[in-house]
Amino acid sequence: MVIYGFGVLLLACLFQGSFGICFKKYQPFSWEAFWVLFSIVGVLLIPHIWSFIEVPNYISYIMQTPAKTLFFGALAGFFWGISSIWYSKSIDMIGVSLVTGINLGLSNLLGSFVPMAILGNVPSARVLAVLLVGQAVLLVGVVILSKAGFMKNDDTRESMQTEGKKGSLFVTGLIMALASGAGSAAINIGATASNYPVNLAVADGINPTSASLLSWVVVFFGGFIANFIYAMIKLIKNKTYTDYTKPGCGKAYFKVLITSIVWFSALAVYGKATSLLGTFGPVAGWVVFNGLALIIANLWGFADGEWKGFEKAKKVALLGNGVIVIALVIVGISNGL
């Protein structure tokens, strides 16, 4: 079962690591025109549609969930929604490599150990020691990847208008990246705290891997509110609602659909993987999910030419990816002890 769980987790990582490349090149839509539709389709509708397909009368389990649980689950999703906006904005300021490294570091730490505290599933000293070693090695890999981002940033320094403006943008982007890391962890924290409807469905005989979808319905309701309101305000303010009728917009509509499916598939399949991995699925699974997805995202970046002309930084990035692979092996060992 554990081996099968890791196989499903690898599929989730493929979706998660591929989401970024799906998000690129959505012209003629502006960011806000794209994000309004993505919020509706990906964040709000698809979680409900997928739950409707796999969980009969899924909404009844949501309705039976205490209001307090729904509120805190949606609140975690709301924080994630804000962080996803910060994440996309910080990429424009300091680059995808550096932002991804910082985001992974914080979301990995908070997103794995906070659920452990919520569930009360503190492993044995032996398992915990191996898991901590895996976490430490993974963070070393993240640091190396961040270093590659700094090197790439230094190589492009001369292309900025002024040093003062560059410094200001860098600090702002760094703060947003740090905040986005904490917000990204809110997904896993919120899903773990929203297990009540999942448990109700399982008690009624629903397959646990299907029932895991219900936590996402709760969490992403809050995420939808944050993303949709912000993007709609930008859409109205910039009057970019005309993007929806621009020539060639058919491809952009299709990109919204594909991006929405790939993005939520990552989380839905991840939820299934954690239930298959057993007691420590939300702990070890979150580490593997983030780490391997980062490697896949970097591979897409290499293929898309993001590191073209930055050979030294690219070599450092490859080293960071290698260290993360070692960390994943260690985490996998901890899950099997």
Protein backbone atom coordinates (compact mmCIF):
# COMPACT_ATOMS: atom_id res chain seq x y z
CA MET A 1 0.00 0.00 0.00
CA VAL A 2 2.86 2.39 0.85
CA ILE A 3 4.57 1.70 -2.48
CA TYR A 4 1.29 2.33 -4.32
CA GLY A 5 0.85 5.52 -2.31
CA PHE A 6 4.23 6.81 -3.40
CA GLY A 7 3.34 5.99 -7.01
CA VAL A 8 0.21 8.12 -6.73
CA LEU A 9 2.29 10.82 -5.03
CA LEU A 10 4.68 10.88 -7.99
CA LEU A 11 1.72 11.54 -10.29
CA ALA A 12 0.65 14.42 -8.03
CA CYS A 13 4.18 15.83 -8.20
CA LEU A 14 4.08 15.69 -12.00
CA PHE A 15 0.91 17.78 -12.02
CA GLN A 16 2.23 20.20 -9.40
CA GLY A 17 5.58 20.65 -11.09
CA SER A 18 3.91 21.24 -14.46
CA PHE A 19 1.46 23.87 -13.22
CA GLY A 20 3.93 26.74 -13.55
CA ILE A 21 4.62 26.08 -17.21
CA CYS A 22 0.84 25.95 -17.81
CA PHE A 23 0.49 29.34 -16.14
CA LYS A 24 2.88 31.01 -18.58
CA LYS A 25 1.92 32.53 -21.94
CA TYR A 26 -1.81 33.15 -21.52
CA GLN A 27 -1.92 36.20 -23.81
CA PRO A 28 -3.98 38.06 -25.01
CA PHE A 29 -5.38 37.90 -21.45
CA SER A 30 -3.90 40.19 -18.83
CA TRP A 31 -2.92 38.62 -15.48
CA GLU A 32 -6.17 39.70 -13.84
CA ALA A 33 -8.35 38.53 -16.75
CA PHE A 34 -6.72 35.12 -16.55
CA TRP A 35 -6.84 35.01 -12.75
CA VAL A 36 -10.57 35.82 -12.50
CA LEU A 37 -11.43 32.85 -14.69
CA PHE A 38 -8.86 30.60 -13.03
CA SER A 39 -10.37 31.45 -9.63
CA ILE A 40 -13.84 30.49 -10.83
CA VAL A 41 -12.93 27.37 -12.79
CA GLY A 42 -9.90 25.98 -10.95
CA VAL A 43 -10.32 27.12 -7.37
CA LEU A 44 -14.12 27.00 -7.02
CA LEU A 45 -15.79 24.76 -9.63
CA ILE A 46 -13.40 21.87 -10.26
CA PRO A 47 -13.12 20.83 -6.55
CA HIS A 48 -16.94 20.61 -6.43
CA ILE A 49 -17.22 18.82 -9.79
CA TRP A 50 -14.56 16.25 -8.87
CA SER A 51 -16.17 15.65 -5.46
CA PHE A 52 -19.59 15.28 -7.11
CA ILE A 53 -18.20 12.57 -9.39
CA GLU A 54 -16.42 10.55 -6.71
CA VAL A 55 -18.47 11.15 -3.54
CA PRO A 56 -22.26 10.59 -3.75
CA ASN A 57 -24.19 13.35 -1.92
CA TYR A 58 -20.88 15.02 -1.12
CA ILE A 59 -22.54 18.28 -0.12
CA SER A 60 -24.39 16.54 2.73
CA TYR A 61 -21.07 15.82 4.47
CA ILE A 62 -20.09 19.46 4.13
CA MET A 63 -23.44 20.55 5.60
CA GLN A 64 -22.98 18.22 8.60
CA THR A 65 -19.57 19.70 9.38
CA PRO A 66 -19.49 22.11 12.37
CA ALA A 67 -19.41 25.76 11.34
CA LYS A 68 -16.22 26.29 13.32
CA THR A 69 -14.40 23.62 11.30
CA LEU A 70 -15.67 25.06 8.03
CA PHE A 71 -14.63 28.55 9.06
CA PHE A 72 -11.05 27.67 10.02
CA GLY A 73 -10.63 25.45 6.96
CA ALA A 74 -11.84 28.24 4.67
CA LEU A 75 -9.72 30.76 6.59
CA ALA A 76 -6.61 28.67 5.86
CA GLY A 77 -7.67 28.66 2.22
CA PHE A 78 -8.12 32.44 2.32
CA PHE A 79 -4.53 32.85 3.55
CA TRP A 80 -3.38 30.55 0.77
CA GLY A 81 -5.33 32.67 -1.73
CA ILE A 82 -3.49 35.78 -0.60
CA SER A 83 -0.17 33.93 -0.71
CA SER A 84 -0.78 32.73 -4.27
CA ILE A 85 -1.15 36.37 -5.34
CA TRP A 86 2.05 37.32 -3.51
CA TYR A 87 3.80 34.34 -5.09
CA SER A 88 2.95 35.41 -8.65
CA LYS A 89 3.85 39.03 -7.95
CA SER A 90 7.19 38.21 -6.29
CA ILE A 91 8.23 36.11 -9.30
CA ASP A 92 8.05 39.26 -11.42
CA MET A 93 10.32 41.05 -8.91
CA ILE A 94 13.05 38.54 -8.03
CA GLY A 95 12.59 35.57 -10.36
CA VAL A 96 10.96 32.16 -10.26
CA SER A 97 14.02 30.23 -9.05
CA LEU A 98 14.61 32.29 -5.93
CA VAL A 99 10.91 32.59 -5.09
CA THR A 100 10.35 28.86 -5.53
CA GLY A 101 13.27 28.03 -3.24
CA ILE A 102 12.11 30.38 -0.47
CA ASN A 103 8.50 29.28 -0.86
CA LEU A 104 9.41 25.61 -0.66
CA GLY A 105 11.55 26.06 2.44
CA LEU A 106 8.83 27.67 4.55
CA SER A 107 5.91 25.64 3.21
CA ASN A 108 7.88 22.44 3.75
CA LEU A 109 8.63 23.17 7.39
CA LEU A 110 5.21 24.50 8.36
CA GLY A 111 3.20 22.24 6.07
CA SER A 112 4.70 19.03 7.44
CA PHE A 113 5.19 19.65 11.15
CA VAL A 114 2.02 21.64 11.88
CA PRO A 115 -0.21 18.78 10.62
CA MET A 116 1.83 16.44 12.81
CA ALA A 117 0.90 18.59 15.80
CA ILE A 118 -2.78 18.85 14.73
CA LEU A 119 -3.13 15.10 14.25
CA GLY A 120 -1.08 14.27 17.33
CA ASN A 121 0.82 11.68 15.28
CA VAL A 122 4.29 12.17 16.73
CA PRO A 123 6.38 9.25 15.41
CA SER A 124 8.90 7.24 17.36
CA ALA A 125 12.25 8.81 18.13
CA ARG A 126 13.90 6.70 15.43
CA VAL A 127 11.44 7.69 12.71
CA LEU A 128 11.45 11.33 13.80
CA ALA A 129 15.25 11.42 13.70
CA VAL A 130 15.36 10.11 10.12
CA LEU A 131 12.56 12.50 9.09
CA LEU A 132 14.45 15.44 10.59
CA VAL A 133 17.60 14.43 8.72
CA GLY A 134 15.57 14.33 5.52
CA GLN A 135 14.16 17.78 6.28
CA ALA A 136 17.64 19.16 6.95
CA VAL A 137 19.04 17.74 3.71
CA LEU A 138 16.07 19.08 1.76
CA LEU A 139 16.62 22.55 3.18
CA VAL A 140 20.28 22.35 2.11
CA GLY A 141 19.01 21.66 -1.40
CA VAL A 142 16.65 24.61 -1.15
CA VAL A 143 19.52 26.86 -0.04
CA ILE A 144 21.60 25.72 -3.01
CA LEU A 145 18.72 26.43 -5.39
CA SER A 146 18.26 29.83 -3.79
CA LYS A 147 21.95 30.48 -4.31
CA ALA A 148 21.47 29.67 -8.00
CA GLY A 149 18.68 32.23 -8.07
CA PHE A 150 20.94 34.87 -6.51
CA MET A 151 23.65 34.08 -9.05
CA LYS A 152 21.22 34.47 -11.91
CA ASN A 153 19.93 37.69 -10.39
CA ASP A 154 23.48 39.06 -10.09
CA ASP A 155 24.15 38.24 -13.74
CA THR A 156 21.16 40.33 -14.80
CA ARG A 157 21.90 43.22 -12.44
CA GLU A 158 23.18 45.50 -15.19
CA SER A 159 19.90 45.22 -17.10
CA MET A 160 18.00 46.99 -14.29
CA GLN A 161 17.38 50.73 -14.60
CA THR A 162 18.95 51.85 -11.32
CA GLU A 163 20.55 50.17 -8.34
CA GLY A 164 18.16 51.92 -5.94
CA LYS A 165 15.09 50.71 -7.78
CA LYS A 166 16.54 47.24 -8.02
CA GLY A 167 17.20 47.11 -4.28
CA SER A 168 13.69 48.27 -3.47
CA LEU A 169 12.10 45.72 -5.79
CA PHE A 170 14.32 42.97 -4.42
CA VAL A 171 13.37 43.66 -0.78
CA THR A 172 9.67 43.86 -1.64
CA GLY A 173 9.86 40.65 -3.66
CA LEU A 174 11.77 38.89 -0.89
CA ILE A 175 9.14 39.84 1.72
CA MET A 176 6.34 38.66 -0.57
CA ALA A 177 8.17 35.39 -1.23
CA LEU A 178 8.59 34.76 2.51
CA ALA A 179 4.91 35.50 3.11
CA SER A 180 3.88 33.26 0.23
CA GLY A 181 5.82 30.35 1.75
CA ALA A 182 3.85 30.57 4.98
CA GLY A 183 0.62 30.91 3.03
CA SER A 184 1.40 27.90 0.84
CA ALA A 185 1.69 25.77 3.97
CA ALA A 186 -1.86 26.84 4.84
CA ILE A 187 -3.15 24.45 2.15
CA ASN A 188 -1.84 21.39 3.94
CA ILE A 189 -2.68 22.78 7.38
CA GLY A 190 -6.22 23.67 6.32
CA ALA A 191 -6.82 20.32 4.63
CA THR A 192 -5.60 18.48 7.72
CA ALA A 193 -7.80 20.58 10.01
CA SER A 194 -10.81 20.03 7.70
CA ASN A 195 -10.89 16.26 8.01
CA TYR A 196 -14.35 16.23 9.63
CA PRO A 197 -16.40 15.81 6.40
CA VAL A 198 -13.80 13.33 5.15
CA ASN A 199 -14.27 11.19 8.26
CA LEU A 200 -18.07 11.38 7.89
CA ALA A 201 -17.85 10.12 4.32
CA VAL A 202 -15.47 7.31 5.25
CA ALA A 203 -17.83 6.24 8.05
CA ASP A 204 -20.56 5.96 5.40
CA GLY A 205 -18.42 3.59 3.37
CA ILE A 206 -16.86 6.07 0.92
CA ASN A 207 -13.38 5.13 -0.24
CA PRO A 208 -10.90 7.22 1.81
CA THR A 209 -9.00 8.25 -1.33
CA SER A 210 -12.21 9.74 -2.76
CA ALA A 211 -13.37 11.20 0.55
CA SER A 212 -10.11 13.18 0.79
CA LEU A 213 -11.49 15.52 -1.90
CA LEU A 214 -13.96 17.02 0.59
CA SER A 215 -11.27 18.85 2.54
CA TRP A 216 -10.30 20.72 -0.63
CA VAL A 217 -13.89 21.86 -1.15
CA VAL A 218 -13.74 23.52 2.28
CA VAL A 219 -10.25 25.01 1.99
CA PHE A 220 -10.59 26.41 -1.51
CA PHE A 221 -13.85 28.17 -0.86
CA GLY A 222 -11.78 30.61 1.18
CA GLY A 223 -9.08 30.58 -1.48
CA PHE A 224 -11.62 31.46 -4.15
CA ILE A 225 -12.85 34.49 -2.19
CA ALA A 226 -9.34 35.94 -1.83
CA ASN A 227 -8.26 35.31 -5.42
CA PHE A 228 -11.50 36.31 -7.13
CA ILE A 229 -12.03 39.57 -5.24
CA TYR A 230 -8.46 40.79 -5.80
CA ALA A 231 -8.41 39.85 -9.49
CA MET A 232 -11.87 41.35 -10.08
CA ILE A 233 -10.80 44.65 -8.48
CA LYS A 234 -7.74 44.75 -10.78
CA LEU A 235 -9.90 43.83 -13.77
CA ILE A 236 -12.32 46.69 -13.16
CA LYS A 237 -9.62 49.20 -12.20
CA ASN A 238 -7.52 48.48 -15.29
CA LYS A 239 -10.58 48.01 -17.53
CA THR A 240 -9.02 44.81 -18.86
CA TYR A 241 -12.38 43.02 -19.06
CA THR A 242 -12.13 43.81 -22.78
CA ASP A 243 -9.48 41.04 -22.92
CA TYR A 244 -12.29 38.49 -23.02
CA THR A 245 -13.22 39.53 -26.57
CA LYS A 246 -9.76 40.21 -28.01
CA PRO A 247 -8.68 38.40 -31.19
CA GLY A 248 -7.08 35.06 -30.35
CA CYS A 249 -8.68 34.87 -26.90
CA GLY A 250 -9.95 31.34 -27.65
CA LYS A 251 -6.47 29.95 -26.90
CA ALA A 252 -6.42 31.87 -23.61
CA TYR A 253 -9.77 30.38 -22.57
CA PHE A 254 -8.39 26.92 -23.34
CA LYS A 255 -5.26 27.73 -21.31
CA VAL A 256 -7.44 28.65 -18.32
CA LEU A 257 -9.18 25.27 -18.52
CA ILE A 258 -5.97 23.26 -18.89
CA THR A 259 -4.23 25.19 -16.12
CA SER A 260 -7.20 24.73 -13.78
CA ILE A 261 -7.32 20.98 -14.38
CA VAL A 262 -3.56 20.46 -13.98
CA TRP A 263 -3.42 22.64 -10.86
CA PHE A 264 -6.26 20.97 -8.96
CA SER A 265 -5.27 17.50 -10.16
CA ALA A 266 -2.01 17.97 -8.27
CA LEU A 267 -3.80 18.60 -4.98
CA ALA A 268 -6.60 16.07 -5.52
CA VAL A 269 -4.15 13.29 -6.36
CA TYR A 270 -1.92 14.42 -3.48
CA GLY A 271 -4.87 14.02 -1.11
CA LYS A 272 -5.36 10.47 -2.36
CA ALA A 273 -1.67 9.74 -1.90
CA THR A 274 -1.65 10.87 1.75
CA SER A 275 -4.52 8.51 2.57
CA LEU A 276 -2.62 5.65 0.93
CA LEU A 277 0.63 6.49 2.73
CA GLY A 278 -1.00 5.94 6.12
CA THR A 279 -0.54 7.74 9.42
CA PHE A 280 2.34 9.95 8.37
CA GLY A 281 1.07 10.69 4.86
CA PRO A 282 0.37 14.38 5.60
CA VAL A 283 3.90 14.69 7.06
CA ALA A 284 6.28 12.77 4.79
CA GLY A 285 3.96 13.14 1.80
CA TRP A 286 4.05 16.94 1.98
CA VAL A 287 7.86 16.94 1.94
CA VAL A 288 8.05 14.67 -1.10
CA PHE A 289 5.24 16.55 -2.85
CA ASN A 290 7.01 19.89 -2.54
CA GLY A 291 10.52 18.62 -3.19
CA LEU A 292 9.90 16.52 -6.27
CA ALA A 293 7.48 19.08 -7.72
CA LEU A 294 10.26 21.65 -7.44
CA ILE A 295 12.59 19.42 -9.43
CA ILE A 296 9.97 18.91 -12.14
CA ALA A 297 9.30 22.65 -12.25
CA ASN A 298 13.03 23.30 -12.68
CA LEU A 299 13.21 20.76 -15.50
CA TRP A 300 10.37 22.59 -17.25
CA GLY A 301 12.29 25.82 -16.66
CA PHE A 302 15.43 24.36 -18.25
CA ALA A 303 13.41 23.14 -21.23
CA ASP A 304 11.74 26.54 -21.63
CA GLY A 305 15.09 28.35 -21.72
CA GLU A 306 14.80 30.13 -18.35
CA TRP A 307 18.49 29.34 -17.59
CA LYS A 308 19.80 30.00 -21.08
CA GLY A 309 22.92 32.15 -20.85
CA PHE A 310 23.37 31.45 -17.11
CA GLU A 311 25.53 28.32 -17.23
CA LYS A 312 27.19 28.75 -13.80
CA ALA A 313 23.86 29.35 -12.09
CA LYS A 314 22.35 26.40 -13.98
CA LYS A 315 25.05 24.04 -12.66
CA VAL A 316 24.35 25.19 -9.09
CA ALA A 317 20.62 24.65 -9.67
CA LEU A 318 21.29 21.11 -10.90
CA LEU A 319 23.34 20.45 -7.77
CA GLY A 320 20.44 21.67 -5.64
CA ASN A 321 18.08 19.33 -7.46
CA GLY A 322 20.46 16.43 -6.79
CA VAL A 323 20.55 17.19 -3.07
CA ILE A 324 16.75 17.29 -2.98
CA VAL A 325 16.62 13.83 -4.60
CA ILE A 326 18.79 12.52 -1.75
CA ALA A 327 16.44 14.18 0.76
CA LEU A 328 13.43 12.48 -0.84
CA VAL A 329 15.09 9.09 -0.47
CA ILE A 330 15.70 9.76 3.23
CA VAL A 331 12.10 10.88 3.77
CA GLY A 332 10.88 7.79 1.96
CA ILE A 333 12.95 5.63 4.31
CA SER A 334 11.39 7.39 7.34
CA ASN A 335 7.89 6.67 6.05
CA GLY A 336 8.71 2.96 5.73
CA LEU A 337 10.21 2.48 9.21
